[in-house]
Amino acid sequence: MAKTSRAPWKRSNPRKRAGKASKHLSPAQKSAAKARARRAGRRYPNLVDNMRMVAKKTTKKASKKKTSKSKASKSSKTKSARKTAKKARKRTAKKKARSSRKRSASVREKDPRGGLTAAGRKAFARKQGAHLRPGVTKTESEMTPQEMRRKGSWAVRFYGRAKLPPLVDAKGRPTRHALSAHAWGEPVPKTVAAARRIAAKGERLLARYRRAKAKA
């Protein structure tokens, strides 16, 4: 059989065994011990009542430590969450700034009336090595054979293909494909018939260029 523990009043004071000074109960602890004794029908508190008060104090200290640790843990988690959210906001702001710069660069490179600006042609040359030139806007009588060839080739490529891209968007506004006609001195087509007229003009210009080349 296991040995039963000795009663506390039969054991020596553990603080004395450890060479530590004895601690006295606070006035509040004494009052609580007296109340406990009265509830048990005793006139004065005994050793068990006093031990109970000391044990309560120890439990309170432990719970306070646990609470402070949990608060510190929550605080660290909150700080970590704030840092993560701050980093996410910075990344989002950088992405927005980059996309905004790209959009503004795209706007500068594209002429809102149609075609590319000088900056847009330089950007194409830098990125793709393409040597783009402004569209020919002269009248037929003023064009050189090379200009006839350039404009005729553009007109047939853009508006002479079998299936044309959309010329207007959902709101009835001309698309970039249609607006390119403005860069070449032609009215912006909104219908397939108008686009085909530009293509027919391009074929006439190419025919004139071939005749001029044959004479030369």
N, C-alpha and C. Protein backbone atom coordinates (compact mmCIF):
# COMPACT_ATOMS: atom_id res chain seq x y z
N MET A 1 0.83 -1.20 0.00
CA MET A 1 0.00 0.00 0.00
C MET A 1 0.87 1.25 0.00
N ALA A 2 0.41 2.25 -0.68
CA ALA A 2 1.17 3.50 -0.73
C ALA A 2 1.09 4.21 0.61
N LYS A 3 2.17 4.84 0.98
CA LYS A 3 2.21 5.55 2.25
C LYS A 3 1.38 6.81 2.14
N THR A 4 0.59 7.04 3.18
CA THR A 4 -0.21 8.28 3.21
C THR A 4 0.68 9.42 3.63
N SER A 5 0.46 10.64 3.04
CA SER A 5 1.29 11.80 3.37
C SER A 5 0.98 12.25 4.79
N ARG A 6 1.99 12.75 5.43
CA ARG A 6 1.82 13.21 6.82
C ARG A 6 1.03 14.51 6.83
N ALA A 7 0.33 14.72 7.91
CA ALA A 7 -0.46 15.96 8.05
C ALA A 7 0.49 17.14 8.07
N PRO A 8 0.08 18.29 7.56
CA PRO A 8 0.98 19.45 7.48
C PRO A 8 1.52 19.89 8.83
N TRP A 9 0.72 19.70 9.89
CA TRP A 9 1.21 20.14 11.21
C TRP A 9 2.23 19.19 11.79
N LYS A 10 2.40 18.01 11.10
CA LYS A 10 3.43 17.07 11.55
C LYS A 10 4.72 17.21 10.74
N ARG A 11 4.67 18.09 9.70
CA ARG A 11 5.87 18.29 8.88
C ARG A 11 6.53 19.60 9.27
N SER A 12 7.85 19.66 9.07
CA SER A 12 8.58 20.90 9.40
C SER A 12 8.30 21.95 8.33
N ASN A 13 8.53 23.21 8.68
CA ASN A 13 8.29 24.32 7.77
C ASN A 13 9.25 24.22 6.58
N PRO A 14 8.73 24.11 5.35
CA PRO A 14 9.63 23.97 4.20
C PRO A 14 10.51 25.20 3.96
N ARG A 15 10.06 26.38 4.35
CA ARG A 15 10.87 27.58 4.16
C ARG A 15 12.07 27.57 5.10
N LYS A 16 11.85 27.03 6.29
CA LYS A 16 12.97 26.93 7.24
C LYS A 16 13.99 25.91 6.75
N ARG A 17 13.49 24.80 6.16
CA ARG A 17 14.41 23.79 5.63
C ARG A 17 15.25 24.37 4.50
N ALA A 18 14.65 25.28 3.73
CA ALA A 18 15.38 25.91 2.62
C ALA A 18 16.21 27.10 3.06
N GLY A 19 16.16 27.45 4.32
CA GLY A 19 16.94 28.57 4.84
C GLY A 19 16.33 29.92 4.50
N LYS A 20 15.02 29.93 4.25
CA LYS A 20 14.34 31.18 3.90
C LYS A 20 13.52 31.68 5.08
N ALA A 21 13.33 32.99 5.14
CA ALA A 21 12.55 33.58 6.24
C ALA A 21 11.06 33.30 6.01
N SER A 22 10.35 33.12 7.12
CA SER A 22 8.91 32.87 7.04
C SER A 22 8.18 34.12 6.59
N LYS A 23 7.08 33.90 5.85
CA LYS A 23 6.26 35.02 5.38
C LYS A 23 4.98 35.08 6.18
N HIS A 24 4.52 36.28 6.47
CA HIS A 24 3.28 36.47 7.23
C HIS A 24 2.14 36.79 6.28
N LEU A 25 0.94 36.43 6.69
CA LEU A 25 -0.23 36.73 5.89
C LEU A 25 -0.53 38.22 5.95
N SER A 26 -1.09 38.71 4.86
CA SER A 26 -1.51 40.12 4.82
C SER A 26 -2.81 40.26 5.62
N PRO A 27 -3.16 41.49 6.02
CA PRO A 27 -4.42 41.68 6.75
C PRO A 27 -5.63 41.12 6.01
N ALA A 28 -5.65 41.25 4.69
CA ALA A 28 -6.77 40.73 3.91
C ALA A 28 -6.82 39.21 3.97
N GLN A 29 -5.62 38.58 3.90
CA GLN A 29 -5.57 37.12 3.98
C GLN A 29 -6.00 36.62 5.37
N LYS A 30 -5.61 37.36 6.40
CA LYS A 30 -6.02 36.98 7.76
C LYS A 30 -7.54 37.04 7.89
N SER A 31 -8.15 38.10 7.38
CA SER A 31 -9.61 38.24 7.44
C SER A 31 -10.28 37.10 6.70
N ALA A 32 -9.72 36.74 5.51
CA ALA A 32 -10.30 35.65 4.71
C ALA A 32 -10.16 34.31 5.44
N ALA A 33 -9.03 34.11 6.14
CA ALA A 33 -8.82 32.86 6.89
C ALA A 33 -9.81 32.76 8.06
N LYS A 34 -10.03 33.88 8.73
CA LYS A 34 -11.00 33.89 9.85
C LYS A 34 -12.40 33.58 9.34
N ALA A 35 -12.78 34.15 8.19
CA ALA A 35 -14.10 33.89 7.62
C ALA A 35 -14.24 32.42 7.24
N ARG A 36 -13.20 31.85 6.71
CA ARG A 36 -13.23 30.42 6.33
C ARG A 36 -13.42 29.54 7.58
N ALA A 37 -12.72 29.94 8.65
CA ALA A 37 -12.84 29.17 9.90
C ALA A 37 -14.26 29.25 10.46
N ARG A 38 -14.86 30.43 10.42
CA ARG A 38 -16.23 30.59 10.95
C ARG A 38 -17.22 29.74 10.14
N ARG A 39 -17.02 29.71 8.79
CA ARG A 39 -17.91 28.89 7.97
C ARG A 39 -17.80 27.40 8.30
N ALA A 40 -16.61 27.01 8.74
CA ALA A 40 -16.40 25.60 9.11
C ALA A 40 -16.77 25.32 10.57
N GLY A 41 -17.22 26.34 11.32
CA GLY A 41 -17.63 26.15 12.71
C GLY A 41 -16.48 26.24 13.68
N ARG A 42 -15.36 26.82 13.24
CA ARG A 42 -14.22 26.96 14.14
C ARG A 42 -14.14 28.41 14.61
N ARG A 43 -13.69 28.55 15.85
CA ARG A 43 -13.65 29.88 16.42
C ARG A 43 -12.47 30.68 15.88
N TYR A 44 -11.34 29.99 15.68
CA TYR A 44 -10.13 30.64 15.15
C TYR A 44 -9.61 29.86 13.93
N PRO A 45 -8.97 30.53 13.02
CA PRO A 45 -8.40 29.82 11.86
C PRO A 45 -7.23 28.93 12.27
N ASN A 46 -7.16 27.79 11.65
CA ASN A 46 -6.05 26.88 11.95
C ASN A 46 -5.02 26.93 10.82
N LEU A 47 -4.06 26.01 10.87
CA LEU A 47 -2.98 25.99 9.88
C LEU A 47 -3.51 25.75 8.47
N VAL A 48 -4.54 24.88 8.38
CA VAL A 48 -5.09 24.57 7.05
C VAL A 48 -5.70 25.82 6.42
N ASP A 49 -6.41 26.63 7.27
CA ASP A 49 -7.00 27.87 6.75
C ASP A 49 -5.93 28.82 6.23
N ASN A 50 -4.84 28.94 7.01
CA ASN A 50 -3.75 29.83 6.60
C ASN A 50 -3.07 29.32 5.32
N MET A 51 -2.89 27.99 5.25
CA MET A 51 -2.26 27.41 4.05
C MET A 51 -3.13 27.64 2.81
N ARG A 52 -4.43 27.58 3.05
CA ARG A 52 -5.35 27.79 1.94
C ARG A 52 -5.23 29.21 1.38
N MET A 53 -5.07 30.19 2.28
CA MET A 53 -4.92 31.57 1.84
C MET A 53 -3.63 31.78 1.04
N VAL A 54 -2.55 31.13 1.49
CA VAL A 54 -1.27 31.23 0.77
C VAL A 54 -1.39 30.59 -0.61
N ALA A 55 -2.08 29.43 -0.67
CA ALA A 55 -2.26 28.74 -1.95
C ALA A 55 -3.06 29.59 -2.93
N LYS A 56 -4.08 30.31 -2.44
CA LYS A 56 -4.87 31.20 -3.30
C LYS A 56 -4.02 32.30 -3.89
N LYS A 57 -3.12 32.85 -3.08
CA LYS A 57 -2.24 33.92 -3.54
C LYS A 57 -1.33 33.42 -4.66
N THR A 58 -0.81 32.19 -4.46
CA THR A 58 0.07 31.59 -5.48
C THR A 58 -0.69 31.36 -6.79
N THR A 59 -1.95 30.88 -6.66
CA THR A 59 -2.77 30.63 -7.85
C THR A 59 -3.04 31.92 -8.61
N LYS A 60 -3.33 33.01 -7.86
CA LYS A 60 -3.59 34.30 -8.49
C LYS A 60 -2.36 34.79 -9.25
N LYS A 61 -1.17 34.60 -8.63
CA LYS A 61 0.06 35.04 -9.30
C LYS A 61 0.27 34.26 -10.59
N ALA A 62 0.00 32.94 -10.53
CA ALA A 62 0.18 32.11 -11.73
C ALA A 62 -0.79 32.52 -12.83
N SER A 63 -2.04 32.80 -12.44
CA SER A 63 -3.03 33.21 -13.45
C SER A 63 -2.66 34.56 -14.06
N LYS A 64 -2.11 35.47 -13.22
CA LYS A 64 -1.68 36.77 -13.73
C LYS A 64 -0.55 36.60 -14.74
N LYS A 65 0.38 35.68 -14.43
CA LYS A 65 1.49 35.43 -15.36
C LYS A 65 0.97 34.90 -16.68
N LYS A 66 0.00 33.94 -16.58
CA LYS A 66 -0.58 33.36 -17.80
C LYS A 66 -1.27 34.44 -18.64
N THR A 67 -2.02 35.31 -17.91
CA THR A 67 -2.74 36.39 -18.61
C THR A 67 -1.78 37.33 -19.31
N SER A 68 -0.69 37.69 -18.61
CA SER A 68 0.29 38.60 -19.20
C SER A 68 0.97 37.96 -20.41
N LYS A 69 1.23 36.61 -20.28
CA LYS A 69 1.84 35.90 -21.42
C LYS A 69 0.90 35.87 -22.62
N SER A 70 -0.38 35.59 -22.35
CA SER A 70 -1.35 35.55 -23.46
C SER A 70 -1.51 36.92 -24.10
N LYS A 71 -1.50 37.98 -23.24
CA LYS A 71 -1.59 39.34 -23.78
C LYS A 71 -0.39 39.66 -24.66
N ALA A 72 0.81 39.24 -24.17
CA ALA A 72 2.02 39.49 -24.96
C ALA A 72 1.97 38.74 -26.28
N SER A 73 1.45 37.49 -26.23
CA SER A 73 1.34 36.69 -27.45
C SER A 73 0.37 37.35 -28.44
N LYS A 74 -0.79 37.81 -27.89
CA LYS A 74 -1.77 38.48 -28.75
C LYS A 74 -1.18 39.75 -29.35
N SER A 75 -0.43 40.48 -28.52
CA SER A 75 0.17 41.73 -28.99
C SER A 75 1.16 41.47 -30.12
N SER A 76 1.98 40.39 -29.94
CA SER A 76 2.96 40.06 -30.98
C SER A 76 2.27 39.64 -32.27
N LYS A 77 1.14 38.86 -32.11
CA LYS A 77 0.39 38.44 -33.29
C LYS A 77 -0.22 39.65 -34.01
N THR A 78 -0.74 40.60 -33.20
CA THR A 78 -1.33 41.80 -33.79
C THR A 78 -0.28 42.61 -34.54
N LYS A 79 0.92 42.74 -33.93
CA LYS A 79 1.99 43.48 -34.59
C LYS A 79 2.39 42.81 -35.90
N SER A 80 2.47 41.46 -35.85
CA SER A 80 2.84 40.71 -37.05
C SER A 80 1.80 40.90 -38.16
N ALA A 81 0.50 40.86 -37.74
CA ALA A 81 -0.58 41.05 -38.72
C ALA A 81 -0.52 42.47 -39.32
N ARG A 82 -0.21 43.45 -38.47
CA ARG A 82 -0.10 44.83 -38.96
C ARG A 82 1.03 44.98 -39.96
N LYS A 83 2.18 44.33 -39.65
CA LYS A 83 3.32 44.40 -40.57
C LYS A 83 2.98 43.75 -41.90
N THR A 84 2.30 42.58 -41.84
CA THR A 84 1.91 41.88 -43.07
C THR A 84 0.96 42.74 -43.90
N ALA A 85 -0.02 43.36 -43.22
CA ALA A 85 -0.98 44.22 -43.92
C ALA A 85 -0.28 45.43 -44.53
N LYS A 86 0.69 45.98 -43.81
CA LYS A 86 1.43 47.15 -44.31
C LYS A 86 2.23 46.78 -45.56
N LYS A 87 2.87 45.59 -45.52
CA LYS A 87 3.63 45.12 -46.70
C LYS A 87 2.71 44.90 -47.89
N ALA A 88 1.53 44.31 -47.61
CA ALA A 88 0.56 44.06 -48.69
C ALA A 88 0.11 45.38 -49.31
N ARG A 89 -0.14 46.39 -48.46
CA ARG A 89 -0.55 47.71 -48.97
C ARG A 89 0.54 48.34 -49.83
N LYS A 90 1.80 48.18 -49.39
CA LYS A 90 2.91 48.73 -50.17
C LYS A 90 3.02 48.05 -51.53
N ARG A 91 2.86 46.68 -51.53
CA ARG A 91 2.93 45.96 -52.80
C ARG A 91 1.81 46.39 -53.74
N THR A 92 0.60 46.55 -53.18
CA THR A 92 -0.53 46.99 -53.99
C THR A 92 -0.29 48.39 -54.56
N ALA A 93 0.24 49.29 -53.72
CA ALA A 93 0.51 50.66 -54.17
C ALA A 93 1.56 50.66 -55.29
N LYS A 94 2.58 49.79 -55.16
CA LYS A 94 3.62 49.72 -56.20
C LYS A 94 3.04 49.20 -57.51
N LYS A 95 2.18 48.17 -57.41
CA LYS A 95 1.54 47.62 -58.62
C LYS A 95 0.69 48.67 -59.31
N LYS A 96 -0.08 49.41 -58.50
CA LYS A 96 -0.93 50.47 -59.07
C LYS A 96 -0.09 51.54 -59.74
N ALA A 97 1.04 51.90 -59.09
CA ALA A 97 1.91 52.93 -59.67
C ALA A 97 2.50 52.46 -61.00
N ARG A 98 2.91 51.16 -61.03
CA ARG A 98 3.48 50.62 -62.27
C ARG A 98 2.44 50.60 -63.38
N SER A 99 1.22 50.12 -63.04
CA SER A 99 0.17 50.06 -64.07
C SER A 99 -0.21 51.46 -64.53
N SER A 100 -0.20 52.43 -63.59
CA SER A 100 -0.53 53.82 -63.95
C SER A 100 0.53 54.38 -64.90
N ARG A 101 1.81 54.07 -64.61
CA ARG A 101 2.88 54.54 -65.50
C ARG A 101 2.76 53.92 -66.88
N LYS A 102 2.41 52.62 -66.90
CA LYS A 102 2.24 51.94 -68.19
C LYS A 102 1.10 52.55 -68.98
N ARG A 103 -0.03 52.82 -68.28
CA ARG A 103 -1.18 53.42 -68.96
C ARG A 103 -0.84 54.80 -69.51
N SER A 104 -0.13 55.61 -68.70
CA SER A 104 0.21 56.96 -69.15
C SER A 104 1.18 56.90 -70.33
N ALA A 105 2.12 55.93 -70.27
CA ALA A 105 3.06 55.77 -71.39
C ALA A 105 2.32 55.35 -72.65
N SER A 106 1.34 54.43 -72.45
CA SER A 106 0.55 53.96 -73.60
C SER A 106 -0.25 55.11 -74.21
N VAL A 107 -0.79 55.98 -73.34
CA VAL A 107 -1.57 57.13 -73.82
C VAL A 107 -0.67 58.08 -74.60
N ARG A 108 0.56 58.29 -74.13
CA ARG A 108 1.47 59.20 -74.82
C ARG A 108 1.90 58.63 -76.17
N GLU A 109 2.00 57.29 -76.25
CA GLU A 109 2.46 56.65 -77.49
C GLU A 109 1.37 56.55 -78.54
N LYS A 110 0.11 56.54 -78.13
CA LYS A 110 -1.00 56.42 -79.07
C LYS A 110 -1.67 57.78 -79.27
N ASP A 111 -1.84 58.14 -80.53
CA ASP A 111 -2.56 59.37 -80.85
C ASP A 111 -4.05 59.11 -80.64
N PRO A 112 -4.74 59.92 -79.82
CA PRO A 112 -6.17 59.67 -79.58
C PRO A 112 -7.02 59.77 -80.84
N ARG A 113 -6.51 60.48 -81.86
CA ARG A 113 -7.27 60.60 -83.12
C ARG A 113 -7.01 59.43 -84.05
N GLY A 114 -5.98 58.61 -83.72
CA GLY A 114 -5.67 57.44 -84.54
C GLY A 114 -4.19 57.35 -84.85
N GLY A 115 -3.68 56.13 -84.90
CA GLY A 115 -2.26 55.92 -85.20
C GLY A 115 -1.38 56.16 -83.99
N LEU A 116 -0.07 56.28 -84.26
CA LEU A 116 0.92 56.47 -83.21
C LEU A 116 1.48 57.88 -83.23
N THR A 117 1.92 58.32 -82.07
CA THR A 117 2.62 59.60 -81.98
C THR A 117 4.10 59.36 -82.31
N ALA A 118 4.88 60.44 -82.33
CA ALA A 118 6.32 60.30 -82.57
C ALA A 118 6.95 59.46 -81.46
N ALA A 119 6.48 59.66 -80.21
CA ALA A 119 6.99 58.87 -79.09
C ALA A 119 6.63 57.39 -79.27
N GLY A 120 5.46 57.12 -79.79
CA GLY A 120 5.04 55.74 -80.02
C GLY A 120 5.89 55.05 -81.07
N ARG A 121 6.23 55.78 -82.15
CA ARG A 121 7.09 55.20 -83.19
C ARG A 121 8.48 54.93 -82.66
N LYS A 122 8.98 55.82 -81.79
CA LYS A 122 10.30 55.60 -81.18
C LYS A 122 10.27 54.38 -80.26
N ALA A 123 9.16 54.23 -79.52
CA ALA A 123 9.02 53.07 -78.62
C ALA A 123 9.03 51.77 -79.41
N PHE A 124 8.33 51.73 -80.55
CA PHE A 124 8.33 50.54 -81.41
C PHE A 124 9.73 50.23 -81.93
N ALA A 125 10.44 51.28 -82.32
CA ALA A 125 11.80 51.09 -82.82
C ALA A 125 12.71 50.55 -81.73
N ARG A 126 12.50 51.03 -80.50
CA ARG A 126 13.32 50.58 -79.37
C ARG A 126 13.00 49.14 -78.98
N LYS A 127 11.72 48.79 -78.97
CA LYS A 127 11.30 47.46 -78.52
C LYS A 127 11.43 46.39 -79.59
N GLN A 128 11.03 46.72 -80.83
CA GLN A 128 10.95 45.71 -81.89
C GLN A 128 11.90 45.97 -83.04
N GLY A 129 12.58 47.10 -83.03
CA GLY A 129 13.48 47.42 -84.13
C GLY A 129 12.75 47.85 -85.39
N ALA A 130 11.43 48.13 -85.27
CA ALA A 130 10.63 48.52 -86.44
C ALA A 130 10.87 49.99 -86.77
N HIS A 131 11.02 50.27 -88.05
CA HIS A 131 11.24 51.65 -88.49
C HIS A 131 9.92 52.18 -89.06
N LEU A 132 9.06 52.67 -88.15
CA LEU A 132 7.75 53.17 -88.57
C LEU A 132 7.83 54.65 -88.95
N ARG A 133 7.04 55.01 -89.95
CA ARG A 133 6.98 56.41 -90.39
C ARG A 133 5.54 56.91 -90.31
N PRO A 134 5.35 58.23 -90.25
CA PRO A 134 3.97 58.75 -90.19
C PRO A 134 3.20 58.37 -91.45
N GLY A 135 1.87 58.30 -91.34
CA GLY A 135 1.03 57.98 -92.49
C GLY A 135 1.07 59.07 -93.55
N VAL A 136 0.83 58.69 -94.78
CA VAL A 136 0.82 59.65 -95.90
C VAL A 136 -0.55 60.32 -95.96
N THR A 137 -0.57 61.63 -95.79
CA THR A 137 -1.83 62.37 -95.79
C THR A 137 -1.97 63.30 -97.00
N LYS A 138 -1.04 63.20 -97.94
CA LYS A 138 -1.08 64.06 -99.13
C LYS A 138 -2.21 63.63 -100.07
N THR A 139 -2.57 64.52 -100.98
CA THR A 139 -3.53 64.16 -102.04
C THR A 139 -2.80 63.29 -103.08
N GLU A 140 -3.57 62.59 -103.89
CA GLU A 140 -2.97 61.67 -104.87
C GLU A 140 -2.05 62.40 -105.83
N SER A 141 -2.42 63.62 -106.20
CA SER A 141 -1.60 64.37 -107.17
C SER A 141 -0.25 64.78 -106.59
N GLU A 142 -0.17 64.89 -105.26
CA GLU A 142 1.07 65.34 -104.61
C GLU A 142 1.98 64.19 -104.21
N MET A 143 1.50 62.94 -104.29
CA MET A 143 2.26 61.79 -103.81
C MET A 143 3.36 61.38 -104.78
N THR A 144 4.46 60.93 -104.21
CA THR A 144 5.51 60.30 -105.01
C THR A 144 5.13 58.83 -105.21
N PRO A 145 5.77 58.12 -106.14
CA PRO A 145 5.47 56.69 -106.31
C PRO A 145 5.65 55.88 -105.02
N GLN A 146 6.68 56.19 -104.26
CA GLN A 146 6.91 55.45 -103.01
C GLN A 146 5.79 55.71 -102.00
N GLU A 147 5.32 56.94 -101.96
CA GLU A 147 4.22 57.26 -101.05
C GLU A 147 2.93 56.58 -101.50
N MET A 148 2.73 56.48 -102.84
CA MET A 148 1.57 55.73 -103.34
C MET A 148 1.65 54.26 -102.90
N ARG A 149 2.83 53.71 -103.00
CA ARG A 149 3.01 52.30 -102.60
C ARG A 149 2.74 52.11 -101.10
N ARG A 150 3.24 53.01 -100.27
CA ARG A 150 3.06 52.91 -98.82
C ARG A 150 1.58 53.02 -98.44
N LYS A 151 0.92 54.04 -98.97
CA LYS A 151 -0.48 54.24 -98.59
C LYS A 151 -1.37 53.15 -99.17
N GLY A 152 -1.09 52.75 -100.41
CA GLY A 152 -1.89 51.68 -101.02
C GLY A 152 -1.73 50.37 -100.27
N SER A 153 -0.51 50.06 -99.86
CA SER A 153 -0.25 48.83 -99.11
C SER A 153 -0.98 48.86 -97.77
N TRP A 154 -0.92 50.03 -97.08
CA TRP A 154 -1.63 50.14 -95.78
C TRP A 154 -3.13 49.96 -95.96
N ALA A 155 -3.73 50.62 -96.97
CA ALA A 155 -5.19 50.59 -97.16
C ALA A 155 -5.67 49.16 -97.45
N VAL A 156 -4.94 48.44 -98.30
CA VAL A 156 -5.35 47.07 -98.64
C VAL A 156 -5.17 46.14 -97.44
N ARG A 157 -4.07 46.32 -96.69
CA ARG A 157 -3.83 45.45 -95.51
C ARG A 157 -4.88 45.68 -94.43
N PHE A 158 -5.23 46.93 -94.19
CA PHE A 158 -6.15 47.25 -93.09
C PHE A 158 -7.62 47.00 -93.44
N TYR A 159 -8.01 47.42 -94.61
CA TYR A 159 -9.45 47.40 -94.93
C TYR A 159 -9.82 46.51 -96.12
N GLY A 160 -8.82 45.78 -96.67
CA GLY A 160 -9.13 44.89 -97.78
C GLY A 160 -9.16 43.43 -97.38
N ARG A 161 -8.90 43.14 -96.12
CA ARG A 161 -8.91 41.74 -95.68
C ARG A 161 -10.33 41.17 -95.73
N ALA A 162 -10.40 39.82 -95.80
CA ALA A 162 -11.71 39.16 -95.96
C ALA A 162 -12.64 39.44 -94.78
N LYS A 163 -12.11 39.33 -93.56
CA LYS A 163 -12.92 39.57 -92.37
C LYS A 163 -12.34 40.76 -91.61
N LEU A 164 -13.10 41.82 -91.54
CA LEU A 164 -12.62 43.03 -90.87
C LEU A 164 -12.80 42.95 -89.36
N PRO A 165 -11.85 43.50 -88.57
CA PRO A 165 -12.07 43.63 -87.12
C PRO A 165 -13.19 44.63 -86.87
N PRO A 166 -13.76 44.69 -85.66
CA PRO A 166 -14.82 45.66 -85.37
C PRO A 166 -14.37 47.09 -85.64
N LEU A 167 -15.23 47.83 -86.25
CA LEU A 167 -14.93 49.24 -86.55
C LEU A 167 -15.49 50.19 -85.50
N VAL A 168 -16.50 49.74 -84.73
CA VAL A 168 -17.07 50.53 -83.63
C VAL A 168 -17.21 49.62 -82.41
N ASP A 169 -17.17 50.23 -81.20
CA ASP A 169 -17.34 49.45 -79.98
C ASP A 169 -18.82 49.38 -79.59
N ALA A 170 -19.10 48.86 -78.40
CA ALA A 170 -20.48 48.69 -77.95
C ALA A 170 -21.23 50.02 -77.82
N LYS A 171 -20.47 51.11 -77.60
CA LYS A 171 -21.10 52.42 -77.45
C LYS A 171 -21.14 53.22 -78.76
N GLY A 172 -20.77 52.55 -79.87
CA GLY A 172 -20.80 53.23 -81.16
C GLY A 172 -19.60 54.10 -81.45
N ARG A 173 -18.55 54.00 -80.62
CA ARG A 173 -17.35 54.80 -80.84
C ARG A 173 -16.40 54.04 -81.75
N PRO A 174 -15.64 54.74 -82.63
CA PRO A 174 -14.71 54.03 -83.52
C PRO A 174 -13.58 53.37 -82.75
N THR A 175 -13.21 52.18 -83.19
CA THR A 175 -12.12 51.44 -82.55
C THR A 175 -10.78 51.97 -83.05
N ARG A 176 -9.68 51.49 -82.43
CA ARG A 176 -8.35 51.91 -82.86
C ARG A 176 -8.09 51.51 -84.31
N HIS A 177 -8.66 50.37 -84.71
CA HIS A 177 -8.48 49.91 -86.09
C HIS A 177 -9.11 50.91 -87.07
N ALA A 178 -10.28 51.41 -86.72
CA ALA A 178 -10.95 52.38 -87.59
C ALA A 178 -10.25 53.73 -87.54
N LEU A 179 -9.77 54.12 -86.35
CA LEU A 179 -9.13 55.43 -86.20
C LEU A 179 -7.81 55.54 -86.95
N SER A 180 -7.20 54.39 -87.28
CA SER A 180 -5.93 54.46 -88.01
C SER A 180 -6.09 55.17 -89.35
N ALA A 181 -7.33 55.20 -89.89
CA ALA A 181 -7.56 55.88 -91.17
C ALA A 181 -7.26 57.37 -91.06
N HIS A 182 -7.51 57.95 -89.87
CA HIS A 182 -7.26 59.38 -89.69
C HIS A 182 -5.78 59.69 -89.83
N ALA A 183 -4.93 58.77 -89.34
CA ALA A 183 -3.48 59.00 -89.44
C ALA A 183 -3.00 58.99 -90.88
N TRP A 184 -3.81 58.44 -91.80
CA TRP A 184 -3.44 58.38 -93.22
C TRP A 184 -4.27 59.35 -94.06
N GLY A 185 -4.93 60.29 -93.40
CA GLY A 185 -5.66 61.33 -94.12
C GLY A 185 -6.97 60.86 -94.73
N GLU A 186 -7.55 59.79 -94.20
CA GLU A 186 -8.80 59.26 -94.73
C GLU A 186 -9.91 59.41 -93.69
N PRO A 187 -11.17 59.52 -94.12
CA PRO A 187 -12.27 59.58 -93.14
C PRO A 187 -12.36 58.28 -92.35
N VAL A 188 -12.65 58.40 -91.06
CA VAL A 188 -12.72 57.22 -90.18
C VAL A 188 -13.93 56.39 -90.56
N PRO A 189 -13.76 55.13 -90.99
CA PRO A 189 -14.89 54.30 -91.40
C PRO A 189 -15.64 53.73 -90.20
N LYS A 190 -16.97 53.77 -90.27
CA LYS A 190 -17.79 53.17 -89.22
C LYS A 190 -18.60 51.99 -89.76
N THR A 191 -18.56 51.82 -91.08
CA THR A 191 -19.27 50.70 -91.71
C THR A 191 -18.29 49.93 -92.58
N VAL A 192 -18.66 48.69 -92.92
CA VAL A 192 -17.82 47.87 -93.77
C VAL A 192 -17.70 48.49 -95.17
N ALA A 193 -18.79 49.08 -95.66
CA ALA A 193 -18.77 49.70 -96.99
C ALA A 193 -17.74 50.83 -97.04
N ALA A 194 -17.69 51.64 -95.97
CA ALA A 194 -16.74 52.75 -95.93
C ALA A 194 -15.30 52.23 -95.91
N ALA A 195 -15.10 51.15 -95.18
CA ALA A 195 -13.76 50.54 -95.11
C ALA A 195 -13.36 49.99 -96.48
N ARG A 196 -14.32 49.37 -97.17
CA ARG A 196 -14.00 48.81 -98.48
C ARG A 196 -13.66 49.92 -99.50
N ARG A 197 -14.24 51.11 -99.35
CA ARG A 197 -13.92 52.22 -100.25
C ARG A 197 -12.46 52.64 -100.08
N ILE A 198 -11.98 52.63 -98.83
CA ILE A 198 -10.57 52.96 -98.58
C ILE A 198 -9.67 51.88 -99.19
N ALA A 199 -10.08 50.61 -99.08
CA ALA A 199 -9.29 49.52 -99.65
C ALA A 199 -9.23 49.65 -101.18
N ALA A 200 -10.36 50.02 -101.80
CA ALA A 200 -10.39 50.20 -103.26
C ALA A 200 -9.46 51.34 -103.69
N LYS A 201 -9.43 52.40 -102.87
CA LYS A 201 -8.52 53.51 -103.17
C LYS A 201 -7.08 53.04 -103.08
N GLY A 202 -6.81 52.17 -102.10
CA GLY A 202 -5.46 51.62 -101.95
C GLY A 202 -5.05 50.80 -103.16
N GLU A 203 -5.97 50.03 -103.70
CA GLU A 203 -5.66 49.22 -104.89
C GLU A 203 -5.36 50.13 -106.08
N ARG A 204 -6.08 51.27 -106.23
CA ARG A 204 -5.82 52.21 -107.32
C ARG A 204 -4.42 52.83 -107.18
N LEU A 205 -4.05 53.15 -105.92
CA LEU A 205 -2.73 53.74 -105.68
C LEU A 205 -1.62 52.75 -106.02
N LEU A 206 -1.82 51.47 -105.65
CA LEU A 206 -0.82 50.45 -105.98
C LEU A 206 -0.69 50.27 -107.49
N ALA A 207 -1.84 50.34 -108.19
CA ALA A 207 -1.81 50.22 -109.66
C ALA A 207 -1.04 51.39 -110.28
N ARG A 208 -1.25 52.61 -109.74
CA ARG A 208 -0.52 53.78 -110.25
C ARG A 208 0.97 53.64 -109.98
N TYR A 209 1.30 53.10 -108.76
CA TYR A 209 2.72 52.91 -108.43
C TYR A 209 3.37 51.93 -109.40
N ARG A 210 2.69 50.82 -109.75
CA ARG A 210 3.26 49.82 -110.66
C ARG A 210 3.45 50.41 -112.06
N ARG A 211 2.49 51.24 -112.51
CA ARG A 211 2.64 51.88 -113.82
C ARG A 211 3.82 52.85 -113.83
N ALA A 212 3.94 53.61 -112.73
CA ALA A 212 5.06 54.58 -112.64
C ALA A 212 6.40 53.84 -112.61
N LYS A 213 6.44 52.72 -111.93
CA LYS A 213 7.67 51.93 -111.85
C LYS A 213 8.03 51.33 -113.21
N ALA A 214 6.98 50.89 -113.94
CA ALA A 214 7.21 50.29 -115.26
C ALA A 214 7.77 51.35 -116.24
N LYS A 215 7.30 52.58 -116.14
CA LYS A 215 7.78 53.65 -117.02
C LYS A 215 9.23 53.99 -116.73
N ALA A 216 9.55 53.94 -115.40
CA ALA A 216 10.93 54.27 -115.01
C ALA A 216 11.89 53.16 -115.46
